[in-house]
Each structure stands twice: as structure tokens, then as C-alpha cells.
N, C-alpha and C. Protein backbone atom coordinates (compact mmCIF):
# COMPACT_ATOMS: atom_id res chain seq x y z
N MET A 1 0.89 -1.43 -0.19
CA MET A 1 0.04 -0.29 -0.01
C MET A 1 0.92 1.14 -0.26
N ALA A 2 2.02 1.40 0.81
CA ALA A 2 3.03 2.19 0.95
C ALA A 2 2.54 3.00 -0.58
N GLU A 3 3.73 2.05 -1.49
CA GLU A 3 4.35 1.75 -2.94
C GLU A 3 3.17 2.64 -3.17
N GLU A 4 2.13 1.92 -3.65
CA GLU A 4 1.25 2.70 -4.30
C GLU A 4 0.88 4.12 -4.05
N THR A 5 1.02 4.59 -2.73
CA THR A 5 0.40 6.29 -2.22
C THR A 5 2.35 7.02 -2.94
N ARG A 6 3.09 5.82 -2.65
CA ARG A 6 4.48 6.66 -3.14
C ARG A 6 4.75 6.74 -4.91
N SER A 7 4.27 5.98 -5.28
CA SER A 7 3.70 5.96 -6.91
C SER A 7 2.80 7.13 -7.80
N GLU A 8 1.45 8.12 -6.31
CA GLU A 8 0.97 8.86 -6.96
C GLU A 8 1.10 9.83 -6.51
N THR A 9 2.44 10.28 -5.45
CA THR A 9 2.50 11.45 -4.58
C THR A 9 3.04 12.45 -5.77
N PRO A 10 4.01 12.08 -6.62
CA PRO A 10 4.96 12.88 -7.84
C PRO A 10 3.68 13.36 -8.83
N ALA A 11 2.77 13.10 -9.22
CA ALA A 11 1.24 13.32 -10.20
C ALA A 11 0.74 13.91 -9.28
N ALA A 12 0.75 13.76 -7.50
CA ALA A 12 -0.21 14.96 -7.13
C ALA A 12 0.36 16.41 -6.68
N ALA A 13 2.12 16.11 -6.63
CA ALA A 13 2.83 17.70 -6.42
C ALA A 13 2.96 17.72 -7.50
N GLY A 14 2.46 17.88 -8.86
CA GLY A 14 2.66 18.84 -10.05
C GLY A 14 2.90 18.03 -11.08
N GLN A 15 4.18 16.63 -10.41
CA GLN A 15 5.18 16.31 -11.64
C GLN A 15 4.58 15.22 -12.38
N GLN A 16 4.99 15.01 -13.48
CA GLN A 16 4.32 13.93 -14.14
C GLN A 16 4.77 12.43 -13.14
N PRO A 17 3.70 12.23 -14.45
CA PRO A 17 4.07 10.08 -13.50
C PRO A 17 4.85 9.78 -14.45
N PRO A 18 5.32 8.93 -13.43
CA PRO A 18 6.46 8.25 -14.21
C PRO A 18 5.66 7.72 -15.74
N GLN A 19 7.19 7.48 -17.12
CA GLN A 19 6.60 6.61 -18.02
C GLN A 19 6.42 5.45 -18.29
N PHE A 20 6.31 4.71 -18.63
CA PHE A 20 6.70 2.84 -18.21
C PHE A 20 7.03 2.39 -20.04
N PRO A 21 7.74 1.81 -19.81
CA PRO A 21 8.51 1.25 -20.95
C PRO A 21 6.93 -0.12 -21.90
N THR A 22 6.71 0.35 -22.87
CA THR A 22 5.50 -0.05 -23.63
C THR A 22 5.79 -1.50 -24.80
N ASP A 23 5.08 -2.35 -25.11
CA ASP A 23 5.59 -2.97 -25.90
C ASP A 23 4.45 -3.14 -26.86
N TYR A 24 4.30 -2.74 -27.92
CA TYR A 24 3.46 -2.98 -28.94
C TYR A 24 3.29 -3.99 -30.27
N SER A 25 3.90 -4.63 -29.73
CA SER A 25 4.10 -5.55 -30.97
C SER A 25 3.24 -6.16 -30.99
N GLN A 26 1.96 -6.80 -30.07
CA GLN A 26 0.81 -7.56 -30.14
C GLN A 26 -0.57 -6.71 -30.00
N LEU A 27 -0.44 -5.60 -30.32
CA LEU A 27 -1.71 -4.93 -30.41
C LEU A 27 -2.15 -5.17 -31.37
N SER A 28 -4.02 -4.37 -31.11
CA SER A 28 -4.77 -4.86 -32.02
C SER A 28 -5.53 -3.27 -32.00
N THR A 29 -6.25 -2.92 -32.78
CA THR A 29 -6.68 -1.49 -33.01
C THR A 29 -7.92 -2.30 -33.76
N VAL A 30 -9.11 -1.56 -32.89
CA VAL A 30 -10.58 -1.92 -33.69
C VAL A 30 -11.39 -0.52 -33.21
N TYR A 31 -12.00 -0.27 -33.68
CA TYR A 31 -13.26 1.00 -34.03
C TYR A 31 -14.66 0.42 -32.86
N THR A 32 -14.54 0.95 -32.08
CA THR A 32 -16.13 0.57 -31.43
C THR A 32 -17.31 2.67 -31.28
N ASN A 33 -17.93 1.97 -31.14
CA ASN A 33 -19.19 3.24 -30.85
C ASN A 33 -20.25 2.71 -30.06
N PHE A 34 -19.77 1.61 -29.13
CA PHE A 34 -20.99 1.72 -28.54
C PHE A 34 -19.94 0.71 -27.10
N CYS A 35 -20.64 1.12 -26.20
CA CYS A 35 -20.03 0.65 -24.78
C CYS A 35 -20.76 0.02 -23.48
N ARG A 36 -20.95 -0.34 -23.22
CA ARG A 36 -21.71 -1.09 -21.58
C ARG A 36 -20.53 -1.13 -20.51
N VAL A 37 -21.18 -0.38 -19.28
CA VAL A 37 -20.18 -1.00 -18.91
C VAL A 37 -21.09 -1.91 -17.39
N SER A 38 -20.53 -2.07 -17.12
CA SER A 38 -20.67 -3.21 -15.32
C SER A 38 -19.94 -3.37 -14.92
N VAL A 39 -20.65 -3.66 -14.02
CA VAL A 39 -18.98 -3.60 -12.96
C VAL A 39 -19.77 -5.53 -11.75
N THR A 40 -19.01 -5.61 -11.31
CA THR A 40 -18.52 -6.19 -9.80
C THR A 40 -18.15 -5.86 -8.63
N PRO A 41 -18.68 -6.51 -7.52
CA PRO A 41 -17.50 -5.56 -6.04
C PRO A 41 -16.23 -5.17 -6.47
N GLU A 42 -15.29 -5.93 -6.93
CA GLU A 42 -14.21 -5.46 -7.76
C GLU A 42 -13.73 -5.19 -8.62
N GLU A 43 -14.67 -5.10 -10.15
CA GLU A 43 -13.38 -4.43 -10.93
C GLU A 43 -14.93 -4.24 -11.79
N LEU A 44 -14.69 -3.55 -12.51
CA LEU A 44 -14.93 -3.13 -14.10
C LEU A 44 -14.76 -3.88 -14.77
N VAL A 45 -16.09 -4.06 -16.25
CA VAL A 45 -16.34 -4.60 -16.85
C VAL A 45 -16.49 -3.73 -18.35
N LEU A 46 -15.67 -2.99 -19.43
CA LEU A 46 -16.00 -3.05 -20.38
C LEU A 46 -16.59 -3.77 -21.24
N ASP A 47 -17.57 -3.91 -22.04
CA ASP A 47 -17.98 -4.33 -23.67
C ASP A 47 -17.80 -3.39 -24.38
N PHE A 48 -17.31 -3.50 -25.81
CA PHE A 48 -17.20 -2.71 -26.43
C PHE A 48 -17.29 -3.15 -27.90
N GLY A 49 -18.76 -2.41 -28.92
CA GLY A 49 -19.16 -2.86 -30.20
C GLY A 49 -19.42 -2.19 -31.04
N LEU A 50 -20.15 -2.48 -32.16
CA LEU A 50 -20.42 -1.59 -33.53
C LEU A 50 -21.63 -1.59 -33.75
N ASN A 51 -22.31 -0.47 -33.27
CA ASN A 51 -23.74 -0.10 -33.41
C ASN A 51 -23.89 0.41 -35.20
N THR A 52 -24.38 -0.83 -35.81
CA THR A 52 -24.43 -0.09 -36.80
C THR A 52 -25.43 0.51 -37.76
N GLN A 53 -26.75 0.36 -36.29
CA GLN A 53 -27.81 1.05 -36.86
C GLN A 53 -27.45 2.68 -36.55
N MET A 54 -28.66 3.18 -37.63
CA MET A 54 -28.45 5.46 -37.88
C MET A 54 -29.36 4.94 -36.65
N ASN A 55 -31.18 4.55 -36.44
CA ASN A 55 -31.64 5.02 -35.40
C ASN A 55 -31.74 3.92 -34.21
N PRO A 56 -31.94 3.86 -33.32
CA PRO A 56 -31.74 2.61 -32.16
C PRO A 56 -32.73 2.10 -32.79
N ASN A 57 -32.56 0.17 -32.55
CA ASN A 57 -33.43 -0.48 -32.89
C ASN A 57 -32.85 -2.28 -31.62
N PRO A 58 -34.33 -2.26 -30.67
CA PRO A 58 -33.61 -2.99 -29.58
C PRO A 58 -34.13 -4.44 -30.48
N GLN A 59 -34.15 -4.16 -31.87
CA GLN A 59 -34.53 -5.76 -32.22
C GLN A 59 -32.93 -6.29 -32.72
N GLU A 60 -32.22 -5.98 -33.19
CA GLU A 60 -31.11 -5.16 -34.02
C GLU A 60 -30.23 -5.95 -32.73
N PRO A 61 -29.28 -6.91 -32.58
CA PRO A 61 -28.36 -6.79 -31.41
C PRO A 61 -27.26 -5.52 -31.83
N VAL A 62 -26.24 -5.75 -30.82
CA VAL A 62 -25.02 -4.58 -31.29
C VAL A 62 -24.31 -5.94 -30.87
N LYS A 63 -23.56 -5.70 -31.97
CA LYS A 63 -22.18 -7.05 -31.75
C LYS A 63 -20.82 -6.42 -31.13
N LEU A 64 -21.47 -7.22 -29.72
CA LEU A 64 -19.99 -6.87 -28.83
C LEU A 64 -19.24 -7.33 -30.03
N SER A 65 -17.64 -6.91 -29.41
CA SER A 65 -16.36 -7.68 -29.47
C SER A 65 -15.26 -7.76 -29.08
N HIS A 66 -14.92 -7.15 -27.72
CA HIS A 66 -13.73 -6.59 -27.40
C HIS A 66 -14.02 -6.68 -25.98
N ARG A 67 -13.72 -6.97 -24.34
CA ARG A 67 -13.86 -6.94 -23.51
C ARG A 67 -13.09 -6.41 -22.45
N VAL A 68 -13.22 -5.78 -21.67
CA VAL A 68 -11.59 -4.87 -21.17
C VAL A 68 -12.29 -5.71 -19.57
N VAL A 69 -10.99 -6.24 -18.61
CA VAL A 69 -11.73 -5.44 -17.43
C VAL A 69 -11.00 -5.55 -16.48
N MET A 70 -11.29 -4.60 -15.42
CA MET A 70 -9.54 -3.99 -15.42
C MET A 70 -10.58 -3.99 -12.88
N ASN A 71 -9.02 -3.42 -12.35
CA ASN A 71 -9.43 -3.06 -11.42
C ASN A 71 -10.50 -1.68 -11.09
N PHE A 72 -10.68 -0.86 -10.18
CA PHE A 72 -11.57 0.44 -9.79
C PHE A 72 -10.47 1.55 -10.20
N TYR A 73 -9.26 1.32 -9.19
CA TYR A 73 -7.83 2.14 -9.19
C TYR A 73 -7.72 2.58 -10.84
N THR A 74 -7.29 1.45 -11.56
CA THR A 74 -7.02 1.32 -12.94
C THR A 74 -8.11 2.07 -14.14
N ALA A 75 -9.29 1.80 -13.38
CA ALA A 75 -10.45 2.54 -14.22
C ALA A 75 -10.34 4.16 -13.25
N LYS A 76 -10.21 4.29 -12.13
CA LYS A 76 -9.73 5.70 -11.93
C LYS A 76 -8.46 6.43 -12.50
N ARG A 77 -7.76 5.73 -12.55
CA ARG A 77 -6.71 6.55 -13.39
C ARG A 77 -7.57 6.90 -14.70
N LEU A 78 -8.04 6.53 -15.33
CA LEU A 78 -8.10 5.98 -16.96
C LEU A 78 -9.71 7.02 -17.25
N MET A 79 -10.40 7.33 -16.34
CA MET A 79 -11.36 8.32 -16.32
C MET A 79 -10.20 9.73 -16.49
N ASN A 80 -9.79 9.97 -15.00
CA ASN A 80 -9.05 10.70 -15.07
C ASN A 80 -8.63 11.37 -16.27
N ALA A 81 -7.64 10.16 -17.35
CA ALA A 81 -6.56 10.83 -18.22
C ALA A 81 -7.72 10.80 -19.50
N LEU A 82 -9.13 10.36 -19.60
CA LEU A 82 -10.26 11.05 -20.71
C LEU A 82 -10.26 11.73 -20.71
N TYR A 83 -10.52 12.25 -18.86
CA TYR A 83 -11.75 13.63 -18.86
C TYR A 83 -10.52 14.81 -19.36
N GLN A 84 -8.99 14.86 -18.88
CA GLN A 84 -8.55 15.43 -19.48
C GLN A 84 -8.12 15.60 -20.53
N VAL A 85 -8.00 14.75 -21.40
CA VAL A 85 -8.35 14.27 -22.79
C VAL A 85 -9.53 14.98 -23.83
N ILE A 86 -10.49 14.69 -23.03
CA ILE A 86 -11.56 15.24 -24.07
C ILE A 86 -12.35 16.84 -23.40
N GLN A 87 -11.57 17.38 -22.42
CA GLN A 87 -11.44 18.51 -22.07
C GLN A 87 -10.63 19.33 -22.96
N ALA A 88 -9.59 19.00 -22.63
CA ALA A 88 -8.54 19.87 -23.59
C ALA A 88 -9.02 19.80 -25.73
N HIS A 89 -9.85 18.90 -25.47
CA HIS A 89 -10.51 18.99 -27.26
C HIS A 89 -11.72 19.89 -27.38
N GLU A 90 -12.27 19.69 -26.14
CA GLU A 90 -13.61 19.92 -26.14
C GLU A 90 -13.18 21.84 -26.23
N ASN A 91 -11.98 22.68 -25.21
CA ASN A 91 -10.85 23.65 -24.87
C ASN A 91 -10.82 23.88 -26.11
N GLN A 92 -10.44 23.33 -27.07
CA GLN A 92 -9.83 23.30 -28.78
C GLN A 92 -11.41 23.67 -29.79
N PHE A 93 -11.85 22.72 -29.81
CA PHE A 93 -13.15 22.19 -30.78
C PHE A 93 -14.58 22.94 -30.21
N GLY A 94 -14.33 23.10 -29.29
CA GLY A 94 -16.23 23.16 -28.68
C GLY A 94 -16.53 22.15 -27.99
N SER A 95 -17.77 22.29 -27.16
CA SER A 95 -18.52 21.44 -26.63
C SER A 95 -18.71 19.81 -27.79
N LEU A 96 -19.15 19.13 -26.93
CA LEU A 96 -19.10 18.12 -27.25
C LEU A 96 -19.81 17.71 -26.79
N GLU A 97 -21.16 17.65 -28.03
CA GLU A 97 -23.13 17.83 -27.46
C GLU A 97 -22.90 15.89 -27.68
N LEU A 98 -23.83 14.53 -26.72
CA LEU A 98 -24.11 13.71 -26.24
C LEU A 98 -24.90 12.98 -26.83
N ASP A 99 -25.91 14.19 -27.15
CA ASP A 99 -27.83 14.18 -27.80
C ASP A 99 -27.84 13.85 -28.81
N PHE A 100 -28.15 13.43 -29.90
CA PHE A 100 -27.94 13.56 -31.12
C PHE A 100 -28.39 13.84 -31.86
N GLN A 101 -30.22 13.80 -31.91
CA GLN A 101 -31.17 14.79 -31.62
C GLN A 101 -31.01 16.30 -31.75
N ARG A 102 -29.84 16.60 -30.62
CA ARG A 102 -29.34 18.15 -30.18
C ARG A 102 -28.42 18.64 -31.43
N ARG A 103 -27.62 17.86 -31.82
CA ARG A 103 -26.51 17.67 -32.69
C ARG A 103 -27.05 17.69 -34.61
N ILE A 104 -27.72 17.02 -34.59
CA ILE A 104 -28.74 17.31 -35.91
C ILE A 104 -29.14 19.09 -35.81
N ARG A 105 -30.02 18.95 -35.15
CA ARG A 105 -30.44 20.73 -34.87
C ARG A 105 -29.05 21.80 -35.04
N ALA A 106 -28.42 21.40 -34.62
CA ALA A 106 -27.18 22.00 -34.96
C ALA A 106 -26.99 22.64 -35.87
N ILE A 107 -26.16 21.18 -36.57
CA ILE A 107 -26.16 21.59 -37.96
C ILE A 107 -26.59 22.30 -38.94
N PRO A 108 -26.11 23.43 -39.32
CA PRO A 108 -25.93 24.48 -40.13
C PRO A 108 -26.65 24.10 -41.45
N ARG A 109 -27.97 24.64 -42.02
CA ARG A 109 -28.18 24.03 -43.24
C ARG A 109 -28.20 25.01 -44.58
N PRO A 110 -27.89 24.32 -45.44
CA PRO A 110 -27.46 25.11 -46.79
C PRO A 110 -28.88 26.12 -46.84
N GLY A 111 -28.83 27.11 -47.35
CA GLY A 111 -29.94 28.16 -47.91
C GLY A 111 -30.25 28.79 -47.02
N GLY A 112 -29.21 29.25 -45.99
CA GLY A 112 -29.93 30.08 -44.34
C GLY A 112 -30.92 29.57 -43.42
N GLY A 113 -31.11 27.97 -43.10
CA GLY A 113 -31.76 27.57 -42.02
C GLY A 113 -31.36 27.99 -40.78
N GLY A 114 -30.35 27.52 -41.26
CA GLY A 114 -29.83 28.26 -39.40
C GLY A 114 -29.10 27.01 -38.77
N GLY A 115 -30.12 25.91 -38.11
CA GLY A 115 -30.20 24.92 -37.44
C GLY A 115 -30.16 25.40 -36.26
N GLY A 116 -30.04 26.34 -35.86
CA GLY A 116 -30.00 27.04 -34.48
C GLY A 116 -28.49 26.75 -33.42
N VAL A 117 -28.33 27.06 -32.50
CA VAL A 117 -27.80 26.76 -31.18
C VAL A 117 -27.16 25.98 -31.00
N MET A 118 -25.96 25.33 -30.77
CA MET A 118 -25.87 24.62 -29.09
C MET A 118 -25.86 25.75 -27.99
N PRO A 119 -26.57 24.81 -27.25
CA PRO A 119 -26.50 25.34 -25.66
C PRO A 119 -25.26 25.17 -24.76
N PRO A 120 -24.45 25.59 -24.49
CA PRO A 120 -23.14 25.41 -23.58
C PRO A 120 -23.56 24.63 -23.08
N ALA A 121 -22.38 23.75 -22.32
CA ALA A 121 -22.40 22.22 -21.40
C ALA A 121 -22.60 22.22 -20.60
N ALA A 122 -23.35 21.57 -20.03
CA ALA A 122 -23.33 21.44 -18.33
C ALA A 122 -22.07 21.26 -17.68
N PRO A 123 -21.85 21.83 -16.62
CA PRO A 123 -20.94 21.54 -16.18
C PRO A 123 -20.46 20.25 -14.95
N ARG A 124 -19.38 20.07 -15.67
CA ARG A 124 -18.65 18.66 -15.44
C ARG A 124 -17.65 18.34 -14.08
N PRO A 125 -18.27 17.44 -12.45
CA PRO A 125 -18.16 17.93 -11.83
C PRO A 125 -16.35 17.25 -12.18
N ASN A 126 -15.77 17.29 -10.97
CA ASN A 126 -14.24 17.91 -10.87
C ASN A 126 -14.25 15.83 -10.18
N PRO A 127 -13.07 15.11 -11.40
CA PRO A 127 -12.50 14.10 -10.94
C PRO A 127 -11.82 13.72 -9.81
């Protein structure tokens, strides 16, 4: 447990966490636009897949292709890393609207249709 505390101290002090050597020789890449989250008392389970339907269709199953299982410590580190990356992306390119219908209404239409303006994003919790 003391080792866990020591490895977290540099990041808390504003320093970069240690970089670990990585081996990419067995790495595979997959695209996903669907993720289902399940939990056990000790682990987080992420199932990834590809949803090919433009409109939600409960009769058409989403084909899952990958499962990632991690403990909650790793999940929290992942959450923090994703939060920082998404925050930087939104600072540079604007808010990411998760509601598909709102995104469609906000797209400017040719010929002066306008399409409306996206409302500001709700404040995010500080992880």
C-alpha cells in the first residue's frame, strides 16, 4: 500500500507520473461506437462493439467484439486521463454534444436554414 502512495505522490505534486516502457508488438486496433459498463464488487467490465444502426432498434443486437476488465484503481486512472483529454479537445474545438437529436438540430443548413445554436455544456464534476 505504501508503494501505491509513493507512485501517486509525484502526480499530486504537479509532476508527470513515471513513463513505463511499452511493447506494441501484439497491439490490435478496433473501432467502437458502443460501450456497455458492468461492475462487480472488485472490477469494472467494459464491453465494446459496433452499432451499425442509425436509429435505435431494440430488435437489432449490437455486436460486441472486445471486453476489458479492470480494477477500480485502474478505472479511476483511466477516467482521469479521459477527462483531461476530452477537456483539452473541447477547449480547442468546442463542446461535444452527446444528444444525437441536438447535434442534428445544431448543424447549419444550406440556404440560410441556420439550424440553431447548441446550448452551453453543463458543468462537469471535478474528478
